[in-house]
Amino acid sequence: MRKSWTVGEIKRGFERFLNTHGRLPKALEIDEIAYLPTSRFIQYRFGGLEKLRHALGYGDTHFGKGRFRSVIASRVNIRGRAEELTLQNILHERFGEMFVHSEKIFDKSKNRVDFFVYSPDGDFGVDVFYTESMHFLQSIINIKRKKYQNFTADLFLAVANKSFSQSVLDKYAASKVKPLPHRAKLVTLGTFLAYIQRKLAYDIPGVRQG
C-alpha cells in the first residue's frame, strides 16, 4: 500500500482526471481512483479535498455550492433534455406520434411522466434522465420513487449516461432499502431501446413494425 504522495504526483493525477472527464474528481470518487491518494490521506495532509484543490491552484471548486454547482446542474439538464428529444423522435418512429404522449399527467397531484406509450401488448411510461455519478443517481432515484408511487403501468427509469452499465444499475436497485415502485425498472437507455424493439406497435401507415 502506498504511504506517500508528492504534490506533483497529485497534480498530475488531477490533470489526468480533468482531461478524461472534463472536470475535477468529487469526494466520493477519490477512493476509487488508483492514480490519486485516498480521501483519508487528503484529509490528513491537506485538511480536505476543497483545500487540496485550492493548494493545486484550481480556485473555488466546491461542487456543492456556488458556481460549480450551477455549472454541473446546467450541463446535466442540457444533456438530459437533449436525450429526451432524441428519445421522443425514436418513440414516434417506432410507435407512431399519436400513440406517444409527452408529459402525460398520471395522478391527482398532476405529476407527469416524460412519455407514455400505447402498445397492443401493454402500455408503458418512460422517464429519461442524465446524471454524472452514482451519488447523484441515488438522490434522483429517491425523488422519482416518491413521484411515481401511484403510477399504474410499467415504468422505465432510463439513465442516459453511457458510463453506467445495466449490471451496476441492477445491483443498486436490488440493494435499495426502499425499493422502486412495483412496476418500475431502472435501466440504461440502451437496455430500454432494445426493449421497445420487442414491443408491438399499432398497425397504422408510416409506423415500422417489430
Protein backbone atom coordinates (compact mmCIF):
# COMPACT_ATOMS: atom_id res chain seq x y z
CA MET A 1 0.00 0.00 0.00
CA ARG A 2 1.39 3.39 -0.95
CA LYS A 3 2.20 5.64 2.05
CA SER A 4 3.24 8.95 0.49
CA TRP A 5 2.36 11.19 -2.44
CA THR A 6 4.14 14.27 -3.74
CA VAL A 7 2.18 17.39 -4.69
CA GLY A 8 3.43 16.98 -8.25
CA GLU A 9 2.04 13.45 -8.49
CA ILE A 10 -1.32 14.55 -7.14
CA LYS A 11 -1.42 17.47 -9.56
CA ARG A 12 -0.73 15.14 -12.48
CA GLY A 13 -3.50 12.84 -11.25
CA PHE A 14 -5.97 15.72 -11.12
CA GLU A 15 -4.99 16.79 -14.63
CA ARG A 16 -5.42 13.22 -15.89
CA PHE A 17 -8.92 13.05 -14.43
CA LEU A 18 -9.72 16.53 -15.76
CA ASN A 19 -8.63 15.61 -19.29
CA THR A 20 -10.69 12.39 -19.22
CA HIS A 21 -13.89 13.65 -17.59
CA GLY A 22 -13.85 17.40 -18.25
CA ARG A 23 -13.99 18.20 -14.53
CA LEU A 24 -12.16 17.57 -11.26
CA PRO A 25 -12.90 14.45 -9.17
CA LYS A 26 -15.52 14.63 -6.43
CA ALA A 27 -15.00 13.49 -2.84
CA LEU A 28 -16.95 10.25 -3.30
CA GLU A 29 -14.83 9.32 -6.33
CA ILE A 30 -11.37 9.81 -4.83
CA ASP A 31 -11.06 6.39 -3.18
CA GLU A 32 -11.96 4.66 -6.45
CA ILE A 33 -9.17 6.34 -8.46
CA ALA A 34 -5.93 4.34 -8.41
CA TYR A 35 -3.72 7.23 -9.53
CA LEU A 36 -4.78 9.54 -6.67
CA PRO A 37 -4.28 9.26 -2.90
CA THR A 38 -7.07 8.18 -0.59
CA SER A 39 -9.54 10.63 0.90
CA ARG A 40 -8.04 9.83 4.31
CA PHE A 41 -4.58 10.90 3.13
CA ILE A 42 -6.01 14.08 1.60
CA GLN A 43 -7.82 14.93 4.82
CA TYR A 44 -4.68 14.34 6.92
CA ARG A 45 -2.21 16.07 4.58
CA PHE A 46 -4.30 18.98 3.25
CA GLY A 47 -7.33 19.29 5.51
CA GLY A 48 -9.81 18.05 2.90
CA LEU A 49 -10.43 17.92 -0.83
CA GLU A 50 -11.57 21.53 -1.18
CA LYS A 51 -8.37 22.82 0.42
CA LEU A 52 -6.33 20.48 -1.79
CA ARG A 53 -7.97 21.93 -4.90
CA HIS A 54 -7.04 25.42 -3.74
CA ALA A 55 -3.48 24.28 -2.99
CA LEU A 56 -3.17 22.92 -6.53
CA GLY A 57 -4.37 26.22 -8.00
CA TYR A 58 -7.89 25.30 -9.05
CA GLY A 59 -9.59 28.05 -7.03
CA ASP A 60 -13.20 27.82 -5.86
CA THR A 61 -14.20 24.35 -6.98
CA HIS A 62 -16.52 23.16 -4.23
CA PHE A 63 -19.11 21.03 -6.09
CA GLY A 64 -21.86 21.51 -3.53
CA LYS A 65 -22.24 25.27 -3.80
CA GLY A 66 -21.92 28.36 -5.93
CA ARG A 67 -20.63 28.48 -9.46
CA PHE A 68 -19.64 24.81 -9.82
CA ARG A 69 -22.99 23.55 -8.58
CA SER A 70 -24.74 25.77 -11.13
CA VAL A 71 -22.41 24.66 -13.93
CA ILE A 72 -22.97 20.97 -13.15
CA ALA A 73 -26.74 21.40 -12.91
CA SER A 74 -26.86 23.29 -16.22
CA ARG A 75 -24.73 20.70 -18.01
CA VAL A 76 -26.79 17.79 -16.68
CA ASN A 77 -30.08 19.49 -17.57
CA ILE A 78 -28.90 20.25 -21.10
CA ARG A 79 -27.76 16.67 -21.69
CA GLY A 80 -30.97 15.29 -20.18
CA ARG A 81 -33.12 17.48 -22.40
CA ALA A 82 -31.12 16.50 -25.48
CA GLU A 83 -31.58 12.81 -24.71
CA GLU A 84 -35.30 13.38 -24.12
CA LEU A 85 -35.76 14.99 -27.54
CA THR A 86 -33.80 12.20 -29.22
CA LEU A 87 -35.88 9.56 -27.48
CA GLN A 88 -39.10 11.33 -28.48
CA ASN A 89 -38.14 11.00 -32.14
CA ILE A 90 -37.32 7.31 -31.69
CA LEU A 91 -40.65 6.61 -29.96
CA HIS A 92 -42.58 8.48 -32.63
CA GLU A 93 -40.89 6.44 -35.34
CA ARG A 94 -41.40 3.15 -33.53
CA PHE A 95 -44.99 3.53 -32.28
CA GLY A 96 -46.48 6.47 -34.17
CA GLU A 97 -46.81 10.01 -32.87
CA MET A 98 -50.49 9.61 -31.91
CA PHE A 99 -49.58 6.74 -29.55
CA VAL A 100 -46.79 8.60 -27.71
CA HIS A 101 -47.96 11.19 -25.20
CA SER A 102 -45.33 13.61 -23.87
CA GLU A 103 -45.56 15.00 -20.33
CA LYS A 104 -48.67 12.94 -19.55
CA ILE A 105 -50.33 13.66 -16.17
CA PHE A 106 -50.91 10.42 -14.29
CA ASP A 107 -52.25 11.31 -10.83
CA LYS A 108 -54.23 13.87 -8.84
CA SER A 109 -51.03 15.71 -7.90
CA LYS A 110 -50.53 16.40 -11.61
CA ASN A 111 -47.25 14.51 -11.71
CA ARG A 112 -46.12 13.93 -15.29
CA VAL A 113 -44.17 11.16 -16.96
CA ASP A 114 -41.81 12.13 -19.81
CA PHE A 115 -43.51 9.77 -22.26
CA PHE A 116 -46.49 7.45 -22.05
CA VAL A 117 -46.66 4.95 -24.90
CA TYR A 118 -49.71 2.97 -26.02
CA SER A 119 -48.87 -0.51 -27.31
CA PRO A 120 -51.07 -3.51 -28.19
CA ASP A 121 -49.15 -5.76 -25.79
CA GLY A 122 -49.07 -3.33 -22.86
CA ASP A 123 -48.83 0.43 -22.33
CA PHE A 124 -45.77 1.82 -20.55
CA GLY A 125 -44.14 5.01 -19.37
CA VAL A 126 -40.54 6.18 -19.57
CA ASP A 127 -38.63 8.81 -17.64
CA VAL A 128 -35.26 9.53 -19.24
CA PHE A 129 -32.60 11.49 -17.38
CA TYR A 130 -28.86 12.17 -17.30
CA THR A 131 -26.68 12.04 -14.21
CA GLU A 132 -22.92 12.23 -13.76
CA SER A 133 -22.28 9.95 -10.78
CA MET A 134 -23.73 7.22 -8.57
CA HIS A 135 -24.05 9.77 -5.77
CA PHE A 136 -26.35 11.97 -7.85
CA LEU A 137 -28.17 8.91 -9.22
CA GLN A 138 -29.16 7.91 -5.69
CA SER A 139 -30.62 11.35 -4.99
CA ILE A 140 -32.52 11.38 -8.29
CA ILE A 141 -33.98 7.88 -7.77
CA ASN A 142 -35.17 8.75 -4.27
CA ILE A 143 -37.12 11.67 -5.74
CA LYS A 144 -38.54 9.59 -8.59
CA ARG A 145 -39.55 6.77 -6.24
CA LYS A 146 -41.90 9.15 -4.46
CA LYS A 147 -43.08 10.77 -7.68
CA TYR A 148 -44.11 7.51 -9.31
CA GLN A 149 -45.54 5.63 -6.33
CA ASN A 150 -49.04 5.88 -7.86
CA PHE A 151 -48.04 5.10 -11.44
CA THR A 152 -50.10 2.09 -12.55
CA ALA A 153 -48.41 0.98 -15.81
CA ASP A 154 -44.95 -0.42 -16.48
CA LEU A 155 -42.38 2.33 -15.95
CA PHE A 156 -38.81 2.60 -17.18
CA LEU A 157 -36.38 4.97 -15.47
CA ALA A 158 -33.78 5.28 -18.22
CA VAL A 159 -30.28 6.55 -17.44
CA ALA A 160 -28.77 8.25 -20.50
CA ASN A 161 -25.16 8.38 -19.27
CA LYS A 162 -23.36 5.53 -21.07
CA SER A 163 -20.82 5.14 -18.26
CA PHE A 164 -23.49 3.29 -16.25
CA SER A 165 -23.87 -0.42 -17.06
CA GLN A 166 -27.08 -2.39 -16.62
CA SER A 167 -25.37 -4.67 -14.09
CA VAL A 168 -24.43 -1.67 -11.93
CA LEU A 169 -28.00 -0.35 -12.07
CA ASP A 170 -29.42 -3.80 -11.24
CA LYS A 171 -27.12 -4.12 -8.24
CA TYR A 172 -28.07 -0.67 -6.99
CA ALA A 173 -31.82 -1.26 -7.43
CA ALA A 174 -31.61 -4.61 -5.60
CA SER A 175 -29.76 -3.05 -2.67
CA LYS A 176 -32.23 -0.23 -2.00
CA VAL A 177 -33.84 -0.32 1.44
CA LYS A 178 -36.88 1.45 -0.02
CA PRO A 179 -37.46 -0.32 -3.33
CA LEU A 180 -38.67 1.21 -6.55
CA PRO A 181 -42.43 1.16 -7.26
CA HIS A 182 -43.65 -2.36 -8.10
CA ARG A 183 -43.79 -1.91 -11.89
CA ALA A 184 -40.76 0.37 -12.21
CA LYS A 185 -37.42 -0.73 -13.68
CA LEU A 186 -34.11 1.15 -13.57
CA VAL A 187 -32.41 0.68 -16.93
CA THR A 188 -29.76 2.11 -19.19
CA LEU A 189 -31.04 3.93 -22.23
CA GLY A 190 -29.54 1.15 -24.34
CA THR A 191 -31.50 -1.51 -22.44
CA PHE A 192 -34.69 0.48 -22.93
CA LEU A 193 -34.12 0.93 -26.67
CA ALA A 194 -33.62 -2.83 -27.02
CA TYR A 195 -36.85 -3.41 -25.07
CA ILE A 196 -39.02 -1.26 -27.33
CA GLN A 197 -37.85 -3.17 -30.40
CA ARG A 198 -39.64 -6.19 -28.94
CA LYS A 199 -42.86 -4.27 -28.25
CA LEU A 200 -45.77 -4.31 -30.66
CA ALA A 201 -46.94 -1.14 -32.38
CA TYR A 202 -50.41 -0.43 -33.69
CA ASP A 203 -50.67 -1.18 -37.39
CA ILE A 204 -51.00 2.24 -38.99
CA PRO A 205 -49.35 3.73 -42.08
CA GLY A 206 -45.85 5.07 -41.54
CA VAL A 207 -45.10 3.07 -38.37
CA ARG A 208 -42.38 0.46 -38.50
CA GLN A 209 -43.39 -2.89 -37.00
CA GLY A 210 -41.08 -5.01 -34.85
